Amino acid sequence: CAPSGRTISSYAMGWFRQAPGKEREFVAAISWSGDSTYYGNSV
């Protein structure tokens, strides 16, 4: 995931996914520093 425009490196980033007929599901997230991560149970 490559951001463009204004830098957003100081913010947390996340990944979500959505399958047909399902709600958008949290996959993973990472803090602005990269020191903290969080994952959905399924992954």
Full PDB file with SEQRES, HELIX, SHEET, SSBOND, CRYST1, ORIGX, SCALE, CONECT and MASTER records, all heavy atoms in Angstrom:
SEQRES   1 A   43  CYS ALA PRO SER GLY ARG THR ILE SER SER TYR ALA MET          
SEQRES   2 A   43  GLY TRP PHE ARG GLN ALA PRO GLY LYS GLU ARG GLU PHE          
SEQRES   3 A   43  VAL ALA ALA ILE SER TRP SER GLY ASP SER THR TYR TYR          
SEQRES   4 A   43  GLY ASN SER VAL                                              
SHEET    1 AA1 3 MET A  13  ARG A  17  0                                        
SHEET    2 AA1 3 GLU A  25  ILE A  30 -1                                        
SHEET    3 AA1 3 THR A  37  TYR A  39 -1                                        
CRYST1    1.000    1.000    1.000  90.00  90.00  90.00 P 1           1          
ORIGX1      1.000000  0.000000  0.000000        0.00000                         
ORIGX2      0.000000  1.000000  0.000000        0.00000                         
ORIGX3      0.000000  0.000000  1.000000        0.00000                         
SCALE1      1.000000  0.000000  0.000000        0.00000                         
SCALE2      0.000000  1.000000  0.000000        0.00000                         
SCALE3      0.000000  0.000000  1.000000        0.00000                         
ATOM      1  N   CYS A   1       0.856  -1.171   0.000  1.00  0.00           N  
ATOM      2  CA  CYS A   1       0.000   0.000   0.000  1.00  0.00           C  
ATOM      3  C   CYS A   1       0.893   1.221   0.000  1.00  0.00           C  
ATOM      4  O   CYS A   1       1.640   1.452   0.953  1.00  0.00           O  
ATOM      5  CB  CYS A   1      -0.918   0.000   1.222  1.00  0.00           C  
ATOM      6  SG  CYS A   1      -1.935   1.479   1.394  1.00  0.00           S  
ATOM      7  N   ALA A   2       0.819   1.970  -1.063  1.00  0.00           N  
ATOM      8  CA  ALA A   2       1.676   3.133  -1.224  1.00  0.00           C  
ATOM      9  C   ALA A   2       0.845   4.408  -1.197  1.00  0.00           C  
ATOM     10  O   ALA A   2       0.116   4.690  -2.157  1.00  0.00           O  
ATOM     11  CB  ALA A   2       2.467   3.039  -2.518  1.00  0.00           C  
ATOM     12  N   PRO A   3       0.942   5.151  -0.130  1.00  0.00           N  
ATOM     13  CA  PRO A   3       0.215   6.416  -0.071  1.00  0.00           C  
ATOM     14  C   PRO A   3       0.830   7.454  -0.983  1.00  0.00           C  
ATOM     15  O   PRO A   3       2.040   7.460  -1.216  1.00  0.00           O  
ATOM     16  CB  PRO A   3       0.351   6.835   1.399  1.00  0.00           C  
ATOM     17  CG  PRO A   3       0.761   5.591   2.127  1.00  0.00           C  
ATOM     18  CD  PRO A   3       1.591   4.837   1.144  1.00  0.00           C  
ATOM     19  N   SER A   4       0.008   8.316  -1.479  1.00  0.00           N  
ATOM     20  CA  SER A   4       0.471   9.436  -2.272  1.00  0.00           C  
ATOM     21  C   SER A   4      -0.141  10.710  -1.721  1.00  0.00           C  
ATOM     22  O   SER A   4      -1.082  10.670  -0.927  1.00  0.00           O  
ATOM     23  CB  SER A   4       0.102   9.266  -3.746  1.00  0.00           C  
ATOM     24  OG  SER A   4      -1.305   9.216  -3.920  1.00  0.00           O  
ATOM     25  N   GLY A   5       0.393  11.838  -2.145  1.00  0.00           N  
ATOM     26  CA  GLY A   5      -0.077  13.099  -1.612  1.00  0.00           C  
ATOM     27  C   GLY A   5       0.588  13.395  -0.275  1.00  0.00           C  
ATOM     28  O   GLY A   5       1.754  13.090  -0.074  1.00  0.00           O  
ATOM     29  N   ARG A   6      -0.175  13.970   0.624  1.00  0.00           N  
ATOM     30  CA  ARG A   6       0.346  14.285   1.942  1.00  0.00           C  
ATOM     31  C   ARG A   6       0.812  13.040   2.663  1.00  0.00           C  
ATOM     32  O   ARG A   6       0.123  12.016   2.645  1.00  0.00           O  
ATOM     33  CB  ARG A   6      -0.715  15.003   2.779  1.00  0.00           C  
ATOM     34  CG  ARG A   6      -0.159  15.641   4.044  1.00  0.00           C  
ATOM     35  CD  ARG A   6      -1.257  16.244   4.905  1.00  0.00           C  
ATOM     36  NE  ARG A   6      -1.806  15.271   5.836  1.00  0.00           N  
ATOM     37  CZ  ARG A   6      -2.999  14.714   5.726  1.00  0.00           C  
ATOM     38  NH1 ARG A   6      -3.787  15.045   4.709  1.00  0.00           N  
ATOM     39  NH2 ARG A   6      -3.418  13.843   6.618  1.00  0.00           N  
ATOM     40  N   THR A   7       1.949  13.133   3.289  1.00  0.00           N  
ATOM     41  CA  THR A   7       2.492  11.981   3.992  1.00  0.00           C  
ATOM     42  C   THR A   7       1.589  11.587   5.151  1.00  0.00           C  
ATOM     43  O   THR A   7       1.033  12.430   5.850  1.00  0.00           O  
ATOM     44  CB  THR A   7       3.909  12.265   4.500  1.00  0.00           C  
ATOM     45  OG1 THR A   7       4.411  11.111   5.184  1.00  0.00           O  
ATOM     46  CG2 THR A   7       3.918  13.447   5.465  1.00  0.00           C  
ATOM     47  N   ILE A   8       1.441  10.292   5.337  1.00  0.00           N  
ATOM     48  CA  ILE A   8       0.636   9.762   6.429  1.00  0.00           C  
ATOM     49  C   ILE A   8       1.440   8.798   7.278  1.00  0.00           C  
ATOM     50  O   ILE A   8       0.884   7.975   8.003  1.00  0.00           O  
ATOM     51  CB  ILE A   8      -0.639   9.077   5.908  1.00  0.00           C  
ATOM     52  CG1 ILE A   8      -0.283   7.963   4.915  1.00  0.00           C  
ATOM     53  CG2 ILE A   8      -1.573  10.092   5.274  1.00  0.00           C  
ATOM     54  CD1 ILE A   8      -1.458   7.127   4.492  1.00  0.00           C  
ATOM     55  N   SER A   9       2.742   8.895   7.187  1.00  0.00           N  
ATOM     56  CA  SER A   9       3.617   7.973   7.900  1.00  0.00           C  
ATOM     57  C   SER A   9       3.514   8.105   9.411  1.00  0.00           C  
ATOM     58  O   SER A   9       3.934   7.209  10.143  1.00  0.00           O  
ATOM     59  CB  SER A   9       5.064   8.172   7.459  1.00  0.00           C  
ATOM     60  OG  SER A   9       5.512   9.488   7.743  1.00  0.00           O  
ATOM     61  N   SER A  10       2.970   9.196   9.884  1.00  0.00           N  
ATOM     62  CA  SER A  10       2.854   9.401  11.319  1.00  0.00           C  
ATOM     63  C   SER A  10       1.582   8.805  11.907  1.00  0.00           C  
ATOM     64  O   SER A  10       1.367   8.877  13.106  1.00  0.00           O  
ATOM     65  CB  SER A  10       2.913  10.896  11.641  1.00  0.00           C  
ATOM     66  OG  SER A  10       1.838  11.586  11.034  1.00  0.00           O  
ATOM     67  N   TYR A  11       0.773   8.210  11.082  1.00  0.00           N  
ATOM     68  CA  TYR A  11      -0.482   7.627  11.517  1.00  0.00           C  
ATOM     69  C   TYR A  11      -0.448   6.109  11.451  1.00  0.00           C  
ATOM     70  O   TYR A  11       0.333   5.522  10.719  1.00  0.00           O  
ATOM     71  CB  TYR A  11      -1.629   8.143  10.658  1.00  0.00           C  
ATOM     72  CG  TYR A  11      -1.808   9.640  10.702  1.00  0.00           C  
ATOM     73  CD1 TYR A  11      -1.384  10.439   9.651  1.00  0.00           C  
ATOM     74  CD2 TYR A  11      -2.400  10.250  11.798  1.00  0.00           C  
ATOM     75  CE1 TYR A  11      -1.544  11.812   9.685  1.00  0.00           C  
ATOM     76  CE2 TYR A  11      -2.569  11.626  11.848  1.00  0.00           C  
ATOM     77  CZ  TYR A  11      -2.138  12.406  10.780  1.00  0.00           C  
ATOM     78  OH  TYR A  11      -2.308  13.768  10.820  1.00  0.00           O  
ATOM     79  N   ALA A  12      -1.330   5.512  12.212  1.00  0.00           N  
ATOM     80  CA  ALA A  12      -1.491   4.071  12.124  1.00  0.00           C  
ATOM     81  C   ALA A  12      -2.085   3.695  10.767  1.00  0.00           C  
ATOM     82  O   ALA A  12      -2.830   4.464  10.162  1.00  0.00           O  
ATOM     83  CB  ALA A  12      -2.384   3.573  13.254  1.00  0.00           C  
ATOM     84  N   MET A  13      -1.756   2.506  10.320  1.00  0.00           N  
ATOM     85  CA  MET A  13      -2.269   2.002   9.059  1.00  0.00           C  
ATOM     86  C   MET A  13      -2.905   0.648   9.292  1.00  0.00           C  
ATOM     87  O   MET A  13      -2.526  -0.085  10.202  1.00  0.00           O  
ATOM     88  CB  MET A  13      -1.155   1.874   8.028  1.00  0.00           C  
ATOM     89  CG  MET A  13      -0.472   3.180   7.674  1.00  0.00           C  
ATOM     90  SD  MET A  13      -1.538   4.277   6.688  1.00  0.00           S  
ATOM     91  CE  MET A  13      -1.690   3.323   5.185  1.00  0.00           C  
ATOM     92  N   GLY A  14      -3.850   0.326   8.461  1.00  0.00           N  
ATOM     93  CA  GLY A  14      -4.527  -0.947   8.617  1.00  0.00           C  
ATOM     94  C   GLY A  14      -4.877  -1.595   7.297  1.00  0.00           C  
ATOM     95  O   GLY A  14      -4.858  -0.958   6.237  1.00  0.00           O  
ATOM     96  N   TRP A  15      -5.169  -2.866   7.386  1.00  0.00           N  
ATOM     97  CA  TRP A  15      -5.676  -3.633   6.260  1.00  0.00           C  
ATOM     98  C   TRP A  15      -7.031  -4.216   6.637  1.00  0.00           C  
ATOM     99  O   TRP A  15      -7.203  -4.758   7.736  1.00  0.00           O  
ATOM    100  CB  TRP A  15      -4.728  -4.772   5.883  1.00  0.00           C  
ATOM    101  CG  TRP A  15      -3.477  -4.345   5.186  1.00  0.00           C  
ATOM    102  CD1 TRP A  15      -2.267  -4.093   5.738  1.00  0.00           C  
ATOM    103  CD2 TRP A  15      -3.323  -4.141   3.774  1.00  0.00           C  
ATOM    104  NE1 TRP A  15      -1.360  -3.737   4.780  1.00  0.00           N  
ATOM    105  CE2 TRP A  15      -1.980  -3.758   3.554  1.00  0.00           C  
ATOM    106  CE3 TRP A  15      -4.179  -4.245   2.674  1.00  0.00           C  
ATOM    107  CZ2 TRP A  15      -1.477  -3.481   2.287  1.00  0.00           C  
ATOM    108  CZ3 TRP A  15      -3.684  -3.967   1.414  1.00  0.00           C  
ATOM    109  CH2 TRP A  15      -2.351  -3.589   1.238  1.00  0.00           C  
ATOM    110  N   PHE A  16      -7.954  -4.101   5.730  1.00  0.00           N  
ATOM    111  CA  PHE A  16      -9.267  -4.708   5.862  1.00  0.00           C  
ATOM    112  C   PHE A  16      -9.552  -5.526   4.618  1.00  0.00           C  
ATOM    113  O   PHE A  16      -8.911  -5.349   3.588  1.00  0.00           O  
ATOM    114  CB  PHE A  16     -10.353  -3.639   6.043  1.00  0.00           C  
ATOM    115  CG  PHE A  16     -10.311  -2.938   7.367  1.00  0.00           C  
ATOM    116  CD1 PHE A  16      -9.371  -1.953   7.619  1.00  0.00           C  
ATOM    117  CD2 PHE A  16     -11.223  -3.254   8.363  1.00  0.00           C  
ATOM    118  CE1 PHE A  16      -9.328  -1.297   8.837  1.00  0.00           C  
ATOM    119  CE2 PHE A  16     -11.198  -2.606   9.593  1.00  0.00           C  
ATOM    120  CZ  PHE A  16     -10.254  -1.631   9.821  1.00  0.00           C  
ATOM    121  N   ARG A  17     -10.537  -6.377   4.713  1.00  0.00           N  
ATOM    122  CA  ARG A  17     -10.936  -7.137   3.547  1.00  0.00           C  
ATOM    123  C   ARG A  17     -12.448  -7.302   3.539  1.00  0.00           C  
ATOM    124  O   ARG A  17     -13.100  -7.251   4.569  1.00  0.00           O  
ATOM    125  CB  ARG A  17     -10.257  -8.511   3.510  1.00  0.00           C  
ATOM    126  CG  ARG A  17     -10.671  -9.454   4.635  1.00  0.00           C  
ATOM    127  CD  ARG A  17      -9.822 -10.713   4.608  1.00  0.00           C  
ATOM    128  NE  ARG A  17     -10.230 -11.682   5.615  1.00  0.00           N  
ATOM    129  CZ  ARG A  17      -9.580 -12.805   5.872  1.00  0.00           C  
ATOM    130  NH1 ARG A  17      -8.478 -13.106   5.177  1.00  0.00           N  
ATOM    131  NH2 ARG A  17     -10.030 -13.631   6.802  1.00  0.00           N  
ATOM    132  N   GLN A  18     -12.968  -7.506   2.356  1.00  0.00           N  
ATOM    133  CA  GLN A  18     -14.402  -7.677   2.215  1.00  0.00           C  
ATOM    134  C   GLN A  18     -14.696  -8.699   1.130  1.00  0.00           C  
ATOM    135  O   GLN A  18     -14.308  -8.531  -0.021  1.00  0.00           O  
ATOM    136  CB  GLN A  18     -15.082  -6.346   1.885  1.00  0.00           C  
ATOM    137  CG  GLN A  18     -16.593  -6.412   1.928  1.00  0.00           C  
ATOM    138  CD  GLN A  18     -17.220  -5.034   1.981  1.00  0.00           C  
ATOM    139  OE1 GLN A  18     -16.615  -4.044   1.565  1.00  0.00           O  
ATOM    140  NE2 GLN A  18     -18.426  -4.951   2.502  1.00  0.00           N  
ATOM    141  N   ALA A  19     -15.357  -9.750   1.533  1.00  0.00           N  
ATOM    142  CA  ALA A  19     -15.783 -10.783   0.609  1.00  0.00           C  
ATOM    143  C   ALA A  19     -17.224 -10.519   0.193  1.00  0.00           C  
ATOM    144  O   ALA A  19     -17.967  -9.835   0.903  1.00  0.00           O  
ATOM    145  CB  ALA A  19     -15.663 -12.156   1.262  1.00  0.00           C  
ATOM    146  N   PRO A  20     -17.642 -11.048  -0.944  1.00  0.00           N  
ATOM    147  CA  PRO A  20     -19.013 -10.829  -1.402  1.00  0.00           C  
ATOM    148  C   PRO A  20     -20.040 -11.250  -0.358  1.00  0.00           C  
ATOM    149  O   PRO A  20     -19.962 -12.348   0.193  1.00  0.00           O  
ATOM    150  CB  PRO A  20     -19.107 -11.706  -2.649  1.00  0.00           C  
ATOM    151  CG  PRO A  20     -17.704 -11.784  -3.150  1.00  0.00           C  
ATOM    152  CD  PRO A  20     -16.857 -11.823  -1.911  1.00  0.00           C  
ATOM    153  N   GLY A  21     -20.970 -10.361  -0.083  1.00  0.00           N  
ATOM    154  CA  GLY A  21     -22.022 -10.660   0.863  1.00  0.00           C  
ATOM    155  C   GLY A  21     -21.626 -10.562   2.319  1.00  0.00           C  
ATOM    156  O   GLY A  21     -22.440 -10.868   3.196  1.00  0.00           O  
ATOM    157  N   LYS A  22     -20.412 -10.141   2.590  1.00  0.00           N  
ATOM    158  CA  LYS A  22     -19.942 -10.045   3.962  1.00  0.00           C  
ATOM    159  C   LYS A  22     -19.551  -8.618   4.309  1.00  0.00           C  
ATOM    160  O   LYS A  22     -19.314  -7.790   3.434  1.00  0.00           O  
ATOM    161  CB  LYS A  22     -18.750 -10.972   4.188  1.00  0.00           C  
ATOM    162  CG  LYS A  22     -19.071 -12.454   4.061  1.00  0.00           C  
ATOM    163  CD  LYS A  22     -17.876 -13.302   4.441  1.00  0.00           C  
ATOM    164  CE  LYS A  22     -18.202 -14.776   4.399  1.00  0.00           C  
ATOM    165  NZ  LYS A  22     -17.026 -15.612   4.787  1.00  0.00           N  
ATOM    166  N   GLU A  23     -19.502  -8.366   5.597  1.00  0.00           N  
ATOM    167  CA  GLU A  23     -19.079  -7.064   6.079  1.00  0.00           C  
ATOM    168  C   GLU A  23     -17.577  -6.904   5.920  1.00  0.00           C  
ATOM    169  O   GLU A  23     -16.836  -7.879   5.823  1.00  0.00           O  
ATOM    170  CB  GLU A  23     -19.463  -6.892   7.553  1.00  0.00           C  
ATOM    171  CG  GLU A  23     -20.948  -6.940   7.826  1.00  0.00           C  
ATOM    172  CD  GLU A  23     -21.258  -6.790   9.303  1.00  0.00           C  
ATOM    173  OE1 GLU A  23     -20.311  -6.803  10.117  1.00  0.00           O  
ATOM    174  OE2 GLU A  23     -22.436  -6.653   9.640  1.00  0.00           O  
ATOM    175  N   ARG A  24     -17.149  -5.666   5.898  1.00  0.00           N  
ATOM    176  CA  ARG A  24     -15.729  -5.402   5.847  1.00  0.00           C  
ATOM    177  C   ARG A  24     -15.083  -5.879   7.146  1.00  0.00           C  
ATOM    178  O   ARG A  24     -15.512  -5.521   8.240  1.00  0.00           O  
ATOM    179  CB  ARG A  24     -15.463  -3.918   5.630  1.00  0.00           C  
ATOM    180  CG  ARG A  24     -14.005  -3.587   5.368  1.00  0.00           C  
ATOM    181  CD  ARG A  24     -13.856  -2.224   4.710  1.00  0.00           C  
ATOM    182  NE  ARG A  24     -14.474  -2.192   3.385  1.00  0.00           N  
ATOM    183  CZ  ARG A  24     -14.318  -1.200   2.524  1.00  0.00           C  
ATOM    184  NH1 ARG A  24     -13.565  -0.151   2.839  1.00  0.00           N  
ATOM    185  NH2 ARG A  24     -14.931  -1.241   1.351  1.00  0.00           N  
ATOM    186  N   GLU A  25     -14.053  -6.678   7.010  1.00  0.00           N  
ATOM    187  CA  GLU A  25     -13.432  -7.355   8.131  1.00  0.00           C  
ATOM    188  C   GLU A  25     -12.034  -6.814   8.404  1.00  0.00           C  
ATOM    189  O   GLU A  25     -11.234  -6.638   7.485  1.00  0.00           O  
ATOM    190  CB  GLU A  25     -13.360  -8.860   7.857  1.00  0.00           C  
ATOM    191  CG  GLU A  25     -12.650  -9.671   8.929  1.00  0.00           C  
ATOM    192  CD  GLU A  25     -12.426 -11.108   8.517  1.00  0.00           C  
ATOM    193  OE1 GLU A  25     -12.488 -11.402   7.300  1.00  0.00           O  
ATOM    194  OE2 GLU A  25     -12.205 -11.951   9.406  1.00  0.00           O  
ATOM    195  N   PHE A  26     -11.755  -6.590   9.660  1.00  0.00           N  
ATOM    196  CA  PHE A  26     -10.422  -6.151  10.058  1.00  0.00           C  
ATOM    197  C   PHE A  26      -9.420  -7.275   9.865  1.00  0.00           C  
ATOM    198  O   PHE A  26      -9.663  -8.416  10.252  1.00  0.00           O  
ATOM    199  CB  PHE A  26     -10.429  -5.707  11.520  1.00  0.00           C  
ATOM    200  CG  PHE A  26      -9.053  -5.460  12.070  1.00  0.00           C  
ATOM    201  CD1 PHE A  26      -8.336  -4.333  11.709  1.00  0.00           C  
ATOM    202  CD2 PHE A  26      -8.479  -6.357  12.952  1.00  0.00           C  
ATOM    203  CE1 PHE A  26      -7.069  -4.096  12.207  1.00  0.00           C  
ATOM    204  CE2 PHE A  26      -7.211  -6.133  13.462  1.00  0.00           C  
ATOM    205  CZ  PHE A  26      -6.511  -5.007  13.090  1.00  0.00           C  
ATOM    206  N   VAL A  27      -8.288  -6.937   9.292  1.00  0.00           N  
ATOM    207  CA  VAL A  27      -7.239  -7.914   9.046  1.00  0.00           C  
ATOM    208  C   VAL A  27      -6.021  -7.651   9.920  1.00  0.00           C  
ATOM    209  O   VAL A  27      -5.567  -8.524  10.661  1.00  0.00           O  
ATOM    210  CB  VAL A  27      -6.821  -7.929   7.564  1.00  0.00           C  
ATOM    211  CG1 VAL A  27      -5.639  -8.868   7.341  1.00  0.00           C  
ATOM    212  CG2 VAL A  27      -7.997  -8.330   6.683  1.00  0.00           C  
ATOM    213  N   ALA A  28      -5.477  -6.454   9.821  1.00  0.00           N  
ATOM    214  CA  ALA A  28      -4.258  -6.128  10.556  1.00  0.00           C  
ATOM    215  C   ALA A  28      -4.087  -4.629  10.626  1.00  0.00           C  
ATOM    216  O   ALA A  28      -4.592  -3.890   9.785  1.00  0.00           O  
ATOM    217  CB  ALA A  28      -3.037  -6.770   9.890  1.00  0.00           C  
ATOM    218  N   ALA A  29      -3.352  -4.192  11.626  1.00  0.00           N  
ATOM    219  CA  ALA A  29      -3.057  -2.773  11.769  1.00  0.00           C  
ATOM    220  C   ALA A  29      -1.685  -2.603  12.392  1.00  0.00           C  
ATOM    221  O   ALA A  29      -1.188  -3.494  13.086  1.00  0.00           O  
ATOM    222  CB  ALA A  29      -4.113  -2.076  12.624  1.00  0.00           C  
ATOM    223  N   ILE A  30      -1.094  -1.461  12.156  1.00  0.00           N  
ATOM    224  CA  ILE A  30       0.233  -1.173  12.663  1.00  0.00           C  
ATOM    225  C   ILE A  30       0.300   0.276  13.101  1.00  0.00           C  
ATOM    226  O   ILE A  30      -0.291   1.156  12.469  1.00  0.00           O  
ATOM    227  CB  ILE A  30       1.307  -1.498  11.594  1.00  0.00           C  
ATOM    228  CG1 ILE A  30       2.716  -1.386  12.176  1.00  0.00           C  
ATOM    229  CG2 ILE A  30       1.142  -0.597  10.369  1.00  0.00           C  
ATOM    230  CD1 ILE A  30       3.782  -1.973  11.251  1.00  0.00           C  
ATOM    231  N   SER A  31       1.003   0.522  14.194  1.00  0.00           N  
ATOM    232  CA  SER A  31       1.128   1.872  14.716  1.00  0.00           C  
ATOM    233  C   SER A  31       1.980   2.734  13.801  1.00  0.00           C  
ATOM    234  O   SER A  31       2.667   2.248  12.905  1.00  0.00           O  
ATOM    235  CB  SER A  31       1.731   1.835  16.121  1.00  0.00           C  
ATOM    236  OG  SER A  31       3.066   1.339  16.078  1.00  0.00           O  
ATOM    237  N   TRP A  32       1.942   4.021  14.075  1.00  0.00           N  
ATOM    238  CA  TRP A  32       2.716   4.948  13.248  1.00  0.00           C  
ATOM    239  C   TRP A  32       4.206   4.642  13.296  1.00  0.00           C  
ATOM    240  O   TRP A  32       4.916   4.864  12.306  1.00  0.00           O  
ATOM    241  CB  TRP A  32       2.459   6.381  13.703  1.00  0.00           C  
ATOM    242  CG  TRP A  32       3.069   6.708  15.042  1.00  0.00           C  
ATOM    243  CD1 TRP A  32       2.504   6.525  16.268  1.00  0.00           C  
ATOM    244  CD2 TRP A  32       4.363   7.258  15.275  1.00  0.00           C  
ATOM    245  NE1 TRP A  32       3.363   6.918  17.261  1.00  0.00           N  
ATOM    246  CE2 TRP A  32       4.514   7.382  16.671  1.00  0.00           C  
ATOM    247  CE3 TRP A  32       5.412   7.661  14.448  1.00  0.00           C  
ATOM    248  CZ2 TRP A  32       5.678   7.889  17.258  1.00  0.00           C  
ATOM    249  CZ3 TRP A  32       6.571   8.171  15.035  1.00  0.00           C  
ATOM    250  CH2 TRP A  32       6.687   8.274  16.417  1.00  0.00           C  
ATOM    251  N   SER A  33       4.673   4.153  14.426  1.00  0.00           N  
ATOM    252  CA  SER A  33       6.088   3.859  14.604  1.00  0.00           C  
ATOM    253  C   SER A  33       6.473   2.472  14.101  1.00  0.00           C  
ATOM    254  O   SER A  33       7.657   2.175  13.949  1.00  0.00           O  
ATOM    255  CB  SER A  33       6.469   3.980  16.071  1.00  0.00           C  
ATOM    256  OG  SER A  33       5.811   3.002  16.847  1.00  0.00           O  
ATOM    257  N   GLY A  34       5.478   1.636  13.881  1.00  0.00           N  
ATOM    258  CA  GLY A  34       5.750   0.273  13.479  1.00  0.00           C  
ATOM    259  C   GLY A  34       6.056  -0.654  14.631  1.00  0.00           C  
ATOM    260  O   GLY A  34       6.337  -1.839  14.419  1.00  0.00           O  
ATOM    261  N   ASP A  35       5.998  -0.146  15.847  1.00  0.00           N  
ATOM    262  CA  ASP A  35       6.353  -0.930  17.021  1.00  0.00           C  
ATOM    263  C   ASP A  35       5.217  -1.797  17.531  1.00  0.00           C  
ATOM    264  O   ASP A  35       5.454  -2.739  18.289  1.00  0.00           O  
ATOM    265  CB  ASP A  35       6.815  -0.016  18.157  1.00  0.00           C  
ATOM    266  CG  ASP A  35       8.106   0.704  17.833  1.00  0.00           C  
ATOM    267  OD1 ASP A  35       8.917   0.155  17.057  1.00  0.00           O  
ATOM    268  OD2 ASP A  35       8.311   1.815  18.358  1.00  0.00           O  
ATOM    269  N   SER A  36       4.016  -1.470  17.143  1.00  0.00           N  
ATOM    270  CA  SER A  36       2.856  -2.190  17.629  1.00  0.00           C  
ATOM    271  C   SER A  36       2.007  -2.669  16.464  1.00  0.00           C  
ATOM    272  O   SER A  36       1.716  -1.903  15.546  1.00  0.00           O  
ATOM    273  CB  SER A  36       2.029  -1.295  18.553  1.00  0.00           C  
ATOM    274  OG  SER A  36       0.897  -1.968  19.045  1.00  0.00           O  
ATOM    275  N   THR A  37       1.624  -3.929  16.523  1.00  0.00           N  
ATOM    276  CA  THR A  37       0.771  -4.502  15.491  1.00  0.00           C  
ATOM    277  C   THR A  37      -0.403  -5.220  16.121  1.00  0.00           C  
ATOM    278  O   THR A  37      -0.354  -5.627  17.282  1.00  0.00           O  
ATOM    279  CB  THR A  37       1.544  -5.484  14.592  1.00  0.00           C  
ATOM    280  OG1 THR A  37       2.104  -6.527  15.399  1.00  0.00           O  
ATOM    281  CG2 THR A  37       2.660  -4.766  13.858  1.00  0.00           C  
ATOM    282  N   TYR A  38      -1.440  -5.396  15.339  1.00  0.00           N  
ATOM    283  CA  TYR A  38      -2.654  -6.022  15.822  1.00  0.00           C  
ATOM    284  C   TYR A  38      -3.280  -6.776  14.658  1.00  0.00           C  
ATOM    285  O   TYR A  38      -3.338  -6.257  13.539  1.00  0.00           O  
ATOM    286  CB  TYR A  38      -3.602  -4.961  16.367  1.00  0.00           C  
ATOM    287  CG  TYR A  38      -4.888  -5.474  16.946  1.00  0.00           C  
ATOM    288  CD1 TYR A  38      -4.905  -6.537  17.841  1.00  0.00           C  
ATOM    289  CD2 TYR A  38      -6.100  -4.879  16.606  1.00  0.00           C  
ATOM    290  CE1 TYR A  38      -6.088  -7.002  18.375  1.00  0.00           C  
ATOM    291  CE2 TYR A  38      -7.290  -5.331  17.137  1.00  0.00           C  
ATOM    292  CZ  TYR A  38      -7.280  -6.392  18.029  1.00  0.00           C  
ATOM    293  OH  TYR A  38      -8.457  -6.841  18.560  1.00  0.00           O  
ATOM    294  N   TYR A  39      -3.762  -7.980  14.934  1.00  0.00           N  
ATOM    295  CA  TYR A  39      -4.293  -8.827  13.881  1.00  0.00           C  
ATOM    296  C   TYR A  39      -5.669  -9.358  14.214  1.00  0.00           C  
ATOM    297  O   TYR A  39      -6.002  -9.607  15.371  1.00  0.00           O  
ATOM    298  CB  TYR A  39      -3.366 -10.019  13.630  1.00  0.00           C  
ATOM    299  CG  TYR A  39      -1.986  -9.631  13.162  1.00  0.00           C  
ATOM    300  CD1 TYR A  39      -0.948  -9.450  14.065  1.00  0.00           C  
ATOM    301  CD2 TYR A  39      -1.726  -9.443  11.811  1.00  0.00           C  
ATOM    302  CE1 TYR A  39       0.314  -9.084  13.635  1.00  0.00           C  
ATOM    303  CE2 TYR A  39      -0.469  -9.079  11.369  1.00  0.00           C  
ATOM    304  CZ  TYR A  39       0.549  -8.902  12.285  1.00  0.00           C  
ATOM    305  OH  TYR A  39       1.806  -8.540  11.854  1.00  0.00           O  
ATOM    306  N   GLY A  40      -6.452  -9.533  13.182  1.00  0.00           N  
ATOM    307  CA  GLY A  40      -7.717 -10.205  13.362  1.00  0.00           C  
ATOM    308  C   GLY A  40      -7.493 -11.676  13.656  1.00  0.00           C  
ATOM    309  O   GLY A  40      -6.493 -12.267  13.246  1.00  0.00           O  
ATOM    310  N   ASN A  41      -8.424 -12.262  14.371  1.00  0.00           N  
ATOM    311  CA  ASN A  41      -8.261 -13.652  14.784  1.00  0.00           C  
ATOM    312  C   ASN A  41      -8.105 -14.614  13.607  1.00  0.00           C  
ATOM    313  O   ASN A  41      -7.390 -15.614  13.707  1.00  0.00           O  
ATOM    314  CB  ASN A  41      -9.455 -14.083  15.639  1.00  0.00           C  
ATOM    315  CG  ASN A  41      -9.471 -13.410  16.984  1.00  0.00           C  
ATOM    316  OD1 ASN A  41      -8.429 -13.046  17.518  1.00  0.00           O  
ATOM    317  ND2 ASN A  41     -10.661 -13.247  17.548  1.00  0.00           N  
ATOM    318  N   SER A  42      -8.743 -14.319  12.521  1.00  0.00           N  
ATOM    319  CA  SER A  42      -8.718 -15.223  11.388  1.00  0.00           C  
ATOM    320  C   SER A  42      -7.381 -15.270  10.661  1.00  0.00           C  
ATOM    321  O   SER A  42      -7.143 -16.186   9.870  1.00  0.00           O  
ATOM    322  CB  SER A  42      -9.827 -14.854  10.391  1.00  0.00           C  
ATOM    323  OG  SER A  42      -9.626 -13.556   9.869  1.00  0.00           O  
ATOM    324  N   VAL A  43      -6.510 -14.306  10.925  1.00  0.00           N  
ATOM    325  CA  VAL A  43      -5.241 -14.248  10.203  1.00  0.00           C  
ATOM    326  C   VAL A  43      -4.031 -14.330  11.111  1.00  0.00           C  
ATOM    327  O   VAL A  43      -2.894 -14.337  10.618  1.00  0.00           O  
ATOM    328  CB  VAL A  43      -5.149 -12.979   9.337  1.00  0.00           C  
ATOM    329  CG1 VAL A  43      -6.335 -12.889   8.391  1.00  0.00           C  
ATOM    330  CG2 VAL A  43      -5.059 -11.731  10.207  1.00  0.00           C  
TER     331      VAL A  43                                                      
MASTER        0    0    0    0    3    0    0    6  330    1    0    4          
END                                                                             
